[in-house]
Amino acid sequence: MTLRRLTAAEYETWMSMVVAGYAAEIVASGALPAQAAQEKARRDHERALPAGLGTPGQLIFRVIADDQPVGWLWLAIPGLTGDPGTGSDPGTGSDPGTDGDTGTGGDTGTGGDPEMAWVYLVEVDEALRGRGYGRGAMLLAEAEARSHGMRSLGLNVHGNNVAARSLYASMGYEVMTQQMKKTL
């Protein structure tokens, strides 16, 4: 498996898909109703990617297996400067989180750790799930983060995503924080 940077043509399709998917996760978690979730998802993504593919510190990839795209990976590298399309070296900068919320576009949970990269999204195309591509994508994310001098990799996962939580735990990821809710 390999990673390939997103093209400008792919970016618009990806952005629509990712905003809709994030909004659906927010609704499924019970955090917000549909309309508010859609607005939050749009707003969070605009904040996290103000310059689209040109946003420093944000690397967006297609996950490739056997020369075919099988999924997507969005990785934030604190301090990555320059043209993100060139895989430039880390410089000085800040944590990509912006609004203190959990989930895509929110607080990355790094506490400003300049050596912690963040997976905003890893997604395998639905028809291809269960074939090890998610694990492979995470291993590629770890390698990419290491190549930029990162010492750790973080992510958020909604509590109702049992398959993803199980995958991350099996790969050695540990819970850093946890939010809980009880419907009354």
C-alpha atoms as a PDB file:
ATOM      1  CA  MET A   1       0.000   0.000   0.000  1.00  0.00           C
ATOM      2  CA  THR A   2       1.084   3.580  -0.639  1.00  0.00           C
ATOM      3  CA  LEU A   3      -0.131   7.143  -0.220  1.00  0.00           C
ATOM      4  CA  ARG A   4      -0.720   9.591  -3.076  1.00  0.00           C
ATOM      5  CA  ARG A   5      -1.398  13.295  -2.532  1.00  0.00           C
ATOM      6  CA  LEU A   6      -4.875  14.445  -3.500  1.00  0.00           C
ATOM      7  CA  THR A   7      -5.200  16.370  -6.756  1.00  0.00           C
ATOM      8  CA  ALA A   8      -7.088  19.660  -6.939  1.00  0.00           C
ATOM      9  CA  ALA A   9      -9.835  17.905  -8.923  1.00  0.00           C
ATOM     10  CA  GLU A  10     -10.226  15.235  -6.214  1.00  0.00           C
ATOM     11  CA  TYR A  11     -10.255  17.809  -3.409  1.00  0.00           C
ATOM     12  CA  GLU A  12     -13.752  19.188  -4.074  1.00  0.00           C
ATOM     13  CA  THR A  13     -15.283  15.705  -4.202  1.00  0.00           C
ATOM     14  CA  TRP A  14     -13.378  14.704  -1.076  1.00  0.00           C
ATOM     15  CA  MET A  15     -14.444  17.834   0.828  1.00  0.00           C
ATOM     16  CA  SER A  16     -18.148  17.264   0.095  1.00  0.00           C
ATOM     17  CA  MET A  17     -17.851  13.620   1.150  1.00  0.00           C
ATOM     18  CA  VAL A  18     -15.924  14.400   4.322  1.00  0.00           C
ATOM     19  CA  VAL A  19     -18.246  17.182   5.512  1.00  0.00           C
ATOM     20  CA  ALA A  20     -21.304  14.966   4.970  1.00  0.00           C
ATOM     21  CA  GLY A  21     -19.639  12.023   6.715  1.00  0.00           C
ATOM     22  CA  TYR A  22     -18.512  14.100   9.684  1.00  0.00           C
ATOM     23  CA  ALA A  23     -21.995  15.592  10.063  1.00  0.00           C
ATOM     24  CA  ALA A  24     -23.485  12.079  10.023  1.00  0.00           C
ATOM     25  CA  GLU A  25     -21.043  10.961  12.758  1.00  0.00           C
ATOM     26  CA  ILE A  26     -22.021  13.945  14.920  1.00  0.00           C
ATOM     27  CA  VAL A  27     -25.706  13.081  14.530  1.00  0.00           C
ATOM     28  CA  ALA A  28     -25.091   9.361  15.197  1.00  0.00           C
ATOM     29  CA  SER A  29     -23.180  10.217  18.369  1.00  0.00           C
ATOM     30  CA  GLY A  30     -26.199  12.167  19.622  1.00  0.00           C
ATOM     31  CA  ALA A  31     -24.199  15.379  19.961  1.00  0.00           C
ATOM     32  CA  LEU A  32     -26.297  17.550  17.621  1.00  0.00           C
ATOM     33  CA  PRO A  33     -29.369  17.395  15.374  1.00  0.00           C
ATOM     34  CA  ALA A  34     -28.804  17.088  11.606  1.00  0.00           C
ATOM     35  CA  GLN A  35     -28.924  20.764  10.584  1.00  0.00           C
ATOM     36  CA  ALA A  36     -26.620  21.909  13.406  1.00  0.00           C
ATOM     37  CA  ALA A  37     -24.256  18.996  12.704  1.00  0.00           C
ATOM     38  CA  GLN A  38     -24.028  19.946   9.013  1.00  0.00           C
ATOM     39  CA  GLU A  39     -23.217  23.560   9.909  1.00  0.00           C
ATOM     40  CA  LYS A  40     -20.614  22.493  12.483  1.00  0.00           C
ATOM     41  CA  ALA A  41     -19.001  20.096   9.998  1.00  0.00           C
ATOM     42  CA  ARG A  42     -18.791  22.789   7.308  1.00  0.00           C
ATOM     43  CA  ARG A  43     -17.438  25.391   9.750  1.00  0.00           C
ATOM     44  CA  ASP A  44     -14.862  23.013  11.267  1.00  0.00           C
ATOM     45  CA  HIS A  45     -13.519  22.049   7.850  1.00  0.00           C
ATOM     46  CA  GLU A  46     -13.293  25.658   6.695  1.00  0.00           C
ATOM     47  CA  ARG A  47     -11.252  26.456   9.816  1.00  0.00           C
ATOM     48  CA  ALA A  48      -8.990  23.429   9.504  1.00  0.00           C
ATOM     49  CA  LEU A  49      -8.363  23.921   5.761  1.00  0.00           C
ATOM     50  CA  PRO A  50      -8.623  27.679   5.096  1.00  0.00           C
ATOM     51  CA  ALA A  51      -6.384  27.383   2.003  1.00  0.00           C
ATOM     52  CA  GLY A  52      -7.685  23.985   0.906  1.00  0.00           C
ATOM     53  CA  LEU A  53      -4.890  21.686  -0.260  1.00  0.00           C
ATOM     54  CA  GLY A  54      -2.470  24.586   0.225  1.00  0.00           C
ATOM     55  CA  THR A  55      -3.063  24.788   3.982  1.00  0.00           C
ATOM     56  CA  PRO A  56       0.314  24.396   5.722  1.00  0.00           C
ATOM     57  CA  GLY A  57       0.569  21.395   7.989  1.00  0.00           C
ATOM     58  CA  GLN A  58      -2.360  19.543   6.414  1.00  0.00           C
ATOM     59  CA  LEU A  59      -1.576  16.511   4.218  1.00  0.00           C
ATOM     60  CA  ILE A  60      -4.447  14.818   2.390  1.00  0.00           C
ATOM     61  CA  PHE A  61      -3.869  11.536   0.597  1.00  0.00           C
ATOM     62  CA  ARG A  62      -5.558   8.810  -1.377  1.00  0.00           C
ATOM     63  CA  VAL A  63      -4.689   5.399   0.037  1.00  0.00           C
ATOM     64  CA  ILE A  64      -3.595   3.134  -2.821  1.00  0.00           C
ATOM     65  CA  ALA A  65      -3.483  -0.682  -2.930  1.00  0.00           C
ATOM     66  CA  ASP A  66      -2.606  -2.665  -6.057  1.00  0.00           C
ATOM     67  CA  ASP A  67      -2.534   0.599  -8.054  1.00  0.00           C
ATOM     68  CA  GLN A  68      -6.173   1.343  -7.107  1.00  0.00           C
ATOM     69  CA  PRO A  69      -7.515   3.958  -4.669  1.00  0.00           C
ATOM     70  CA  VAL A  70      -9.049   2.242  -1.633  1.00  0.00           C
ATOM     71  CA  GLY A  71      -9.470   5.098   0.824  1.00  0.00           C
ATOM     72  CA  TRP A  72      -8.474   8.499   2.186  1.00  0.00           C
ATOM     73  CA  LEU A  73      -6.095   9.841   4.837  1.00  0.00           C
ATOM     74  CA  TRP A  74      -5.937  13.373   6.276  1.00  0.00           C
ATOM     75  CA  LEU A  75      -2.889  13.933   8.444  1.00  0.00           C
ATOM     76  CA  ALA A  76      -1.924  17.113  10.323  1.00  0.00           C
ATOM     77  CA  ILE A  77       1.749  17.747  11.036  1.00  0.00           C
ATOM     78  CA  PRO A  78       2.387  20.554  13.571  1.00  0.00           C
ATOM     79  CA  GLY A  79       4.934  23.033  12.274  1.00  0.00           C
ATOM     80  CA  LEU A  80       4.944  21.792   8.665  1.00  0.00           C
ATOM     81  CA  THR A  81       5.547  24.880   6.565  1.00  0.00           C
ATOM     82  CA  GLY A  82       6.030  25.659   2.907  1.00  0.00           C
ATOM     83  CA  ASP A  83       4.132  24.078   0.045  1.00  0.00           C
ATOM     84  CA  PRO A  84       2.338  21.098   1.591  1.00  0.00           C
ATOM     85  CA  GLY A  85       2.284  19.448  -1.824  1.00  0.00           C
ATOM     86  CA  THR A  86       6.052  19.034  -1.736  1.00  0.00           C
ATOM     87  CA  GLY A  87       6.322  17.231   1.575  1.00  0.00           C
ATOM     88  CA  SER A  88       8.436  20.068   2.978  1.00  0.00           C
ATOM     89  CA  ASP A  89      10.321  19.686   6.229  1.00  0.00           C
ATOM     90  CA  PRO A  90       8.806  20.654   9.570  1.00  0.00           C
ATOM     91  CA  GLY A  91       9.450  24.219  10.619  1.00  0.00           C
ATOM     92  CA  THR A  92       7.906  26.202  13.433  1.00  0.00           C
ATOM     93  CA  GLY A  93       4.188  26.547  13.785  1.00  0.00           C
ATOM     94  CA  SER A  94       1.227  25.704  15.911  1.00  0.00           C
ATOM     95  CA  ASP A  95      -1.170  22.886  16.508  1.00  0.00           C
ATOM     96  CA  PRO A  96      -3.721  22.696  13.669  1.00  0.00           C
ATOM     97  CA  GLY A  97      -6.693  22.517  16.048  1.00  0.00           C
ATOM     98  CA  THR A  98      -8.858  25.604  16.055  1.00  0.00           C
ATOM     99  CA  ASP A  99     -12.073  25.473  17.988  1.00  0.00           C
ATOM    100  CA  GLY A 100     -11.677  23.286  21.058  1.00  0.00           C
ATOM    101  CA  ASP A 101     -14.274  20.714  19.955  1.00  0.00           C
ATOM    102  CA  THR A 102     -13.537  17.064  19.437  1.00  0.00           C
ATOM    103  CA  GLY A 103     -13.666  15.561  15.993  1.00  0.00           C
ATOM    104  CA  THR A 104     -12.492  16.782  12.621  1.00  0.00           C
ATOM    105  CA  GLY A 105     -11.464  20.398  12.563  1.00  0.00           C
ATOM    106  CA  GLY A 106     -11.450  20.714  16.333  1.00  0.00           C
ATOM    107  CA  ASP A 107      -8.866  20.508  19.047  1.00  0.00           C
ATOM    108  CA  THR A 108      -6.396  17.828  18.080  1.00  0.00           C
ATOM    109  CA  GLY A 109      -5.874  16.920  21.701  1.00  0.00           C
ATOM    110  CA  THR A 110      -2.117  17.338  21.382  1.00  0.00           C
ATOM    111  CA  GLY A 111      -1.983  20.029  24.048  1.00  0.00           C
ATOM    112  CA  GLY A 112       0.314  21.911  21.688  1.00  0.00           C
ATOM    113  CA  ASP A 113       2.754  18.956  21.506  1.00  0.00           C
ATOM    114  CA  PRO A 114       5.005  19.898  18.559  1.00  0.00           C
ATOM    115  CA  GLU A 115       6.010  16.251  18.067  1.00  0.00           C
ATOM    116  CA  MET A 116       2.499  14.797  17.824  1.00  0.00           C
ATOM    117  CA  ALA A 117       0.892  14.448  14.401  1.00  0.00           C
ATOM    118  CA  TRP A 118      -2.856  14.048  14.138  1.00  0.00           C
ATOM    119  CA  VAL A 119      -5.082  11.855  11.948  1.00  0.00           C
ATOM    120  CA  TYR A 120      -8.150  13.924  11.163  1.00  0.00           C
ATOM    121  CA  LEU A 121      -9.586  11.230   8.891  1.00  0.00           C
ATOM    122  CA  VAL A 122      -8.796   7.716   7.806  1.00  0.00           C
ATOM    123  CA  GLU A 123     -11.496   6.109   5.709  1.00  0.00           C
ATOM    124  CA  VAL A 124     -11.595   3.011   3.563  1.00  0.00           C
ATOM    125  CA  ASP A 125     -14.129   2.895   0.736  1.00  0.00           C
ATOM    126  CA  GLU A 126     -17.174   1.053   2.083  1.00  0.00           C
ATOM    127  CA  ALA A 127     -17.110  -1.788  -0.460  1.00  0.00           C
ATOM    128  CA  LEU A 128     -13.459  -2.524   0.444  1.00  0.00           C
ATOM    129  CA  ARG A 129     -13.697  -2.639   4.233  1.00  0.00           C
ATOM    130  CA  GLY A 130     -12.630  -5.709   6.189  1.00  0.00           C
ATOM    131  CA  ARG A 131      -9.562  -6.364   4.009  1.00  0.00           C
ATOM    132  CA  GLY A 132      -6.895  -4.776   6.215  1.00  0.00           C
ATOM    133  CA  TYR A 133      -6.770  -1.461   4.372  1.00  0.00           C
ATOM    134  CA  GLY A 134      -7.637   0.550   7.499  1.00  0.00           C
ATOM    135  CA  ARG A 135      -4.726  -0.976   9.411  1.00  0.00           C
ATOM    136  CA  GLY A 136      -2.470  -0.449   6.400  1.00  0.00           C
ATOM    137  CA  ALA A 137      -3.549   3.187   6.112  1.00  0.00           C
ATOM    138  CA  MET A 138      -2.766   3.773   9.794  1.00  0.00           C
ATOM    139  CA  LEU A 139       0.679   2.201   9.373  1.00  0.00           C
ATOM    140  CA  LEU A 140       1.283   4.536   6.419  1.00  0.00           C
ATOM    141  CA  ALA A 141       0.123   7.493   8.566  1.00  0.00           C
ATOM    142  CA  GLU A 142       2.607   6.485  11.267  1.00  0.00           C
ATOM    143  CA  ALA A 143       5.427   6.249   8.709  1.00  0.00           C
ATOM    144  CA  GLU A 144       4.514   9.639   7.211  1.00  0.00           C
ATOM    145  CA  ALA A 145       4.425  11.237  10.671  1.00  0.00           C
ATOM    146  CA  ARG A 146       7.829   9.719  11.521  1.00  0.00           C
ATOM    147  CA  SER A 147       9.268  11.059   8.250  1.00  0.00           C
ATOM    148  CA  HIS A 148       8.402  14.574   9.498  1.00  0.00           C
ATOM    149  CA  GLY A 149      10.079  14.058  12.873  1.00  0.00           C
ATOM    150  CA  MET A 150       6.916  13.296  14.828  1.00  0.00           C
ATOM    151  CA  ARG A 151       7.202  11.081  17.913  1.00  0.00           C
ATOM    152  CA  SER A 152       3.499  10.246  18.328  1.00  0.00           C
ATOM    153  CA  LEU A 153       0.237  10.133  16.422  1.00  0.00           C
ATOM    154  CA  GLY A 154      -3.196  10.996  17.790  1.00  0.00           C
ATOM    155  CA  LEU A 155      -6.779  10.810  16.570  1.00  0.00           C
ATOM    156  CA  ASN A 156     -10.378  11.163  17.679  1.00  0.00           C
ATOM    157  CA  VAL A 157     -12.901   8.368  17.322  1.00  0.00           C
ATOM    158  CA  HIS A 158     -16.604   8.549  18.088  1.00  0.00           C
ATOM    159  CA  GLY A 159     -17.721   6.163  20.827  1.00  0.00           C
ATOM    160  CA  ASN A 160     -20.234   4.433  18.559  1.00  0.00           C
ATOM    161  CA  ASN A 161     -17.509   3.456  16.042  1.00  0.00           C
ATOM    162  CA  VAL A 162     -16.716   0.106  17.630  1.00  0.00           C
ATOM    163  CA  ALA A 163     -14.757  -1.298  14.662  1.00  0.00           C
ATOM    164  CA  ALA A 164     -12.406   1.706  14.536  1.00  0.00           C
ATOM    165  CA  ARG A 165     -11.932   1.754  18.317  1.00  0.00           C
ATOM    166  CA  SER A 166     -11.028  -1.943  18.217  1.00  0.00           C
ATOM    167  CA  LEU A 167      -8.550  -1.403  15.367  1.00  0.00           C
ATOM    168  CA  TYR A 168      -6.803   1.485  17.119  1.00  0.00           C
ATOM    169  CA  ALA A 169      -6.590  -0.402  20.412  1.00  0.00           C
ATOM    170  CA  SER A 170      -5.086  -3.426  18.633  1.00  0.00           C
ATOM    171  CA  MET A 171      -2.452  -1.100  17.139  1.00  0.00           C
ATOM    172  CA  GLY A 172      -1.428   0.254  20.549  1.00  0.00           C
ATOM    173  CA  TYR A 173      -3.397   3.515  20.631  1.00  0.00           C
ATOM    174  CA  GLU A 174      -4.454   4.526  24.140  1.00  0.00           C
ATOM    175  CA  VAL A 175      -7.346   6.665  25.341  1.00  0.00           C
ATOM    176  CA  MET A 176      -6.124  10.191  26.204  1.00  0.00           C
ATOM    177  CA  THR A 177      -9.471  11.783  27.077  1.00  0.00           C
ATOM    178  CA  GLN A 178     -13.036  10.588  27.057  1.00  0.00           C
ATOM    179  CA  GLN A 179     -16.364  12.382  26.912  1.00  0.00           C
ATOM    180  CA  MET A 180     -19.519  10.720  28.204  1.00  0.00           C
ATOM    181  CA  LYS A 181     -23.192  11.542  27.958  1.00  0.00           C
ATOM    182  CA  LYS A 182     -26.462  10.220  29.342  1.00  0.00           C
ATOM    183  CA  THR A 183     -29.733  10.996  27.619  1.00  0.00           C
ATOM    184  CA  LEU A 184     -32.378  12.000  30.159  1.00  0.00           C
END
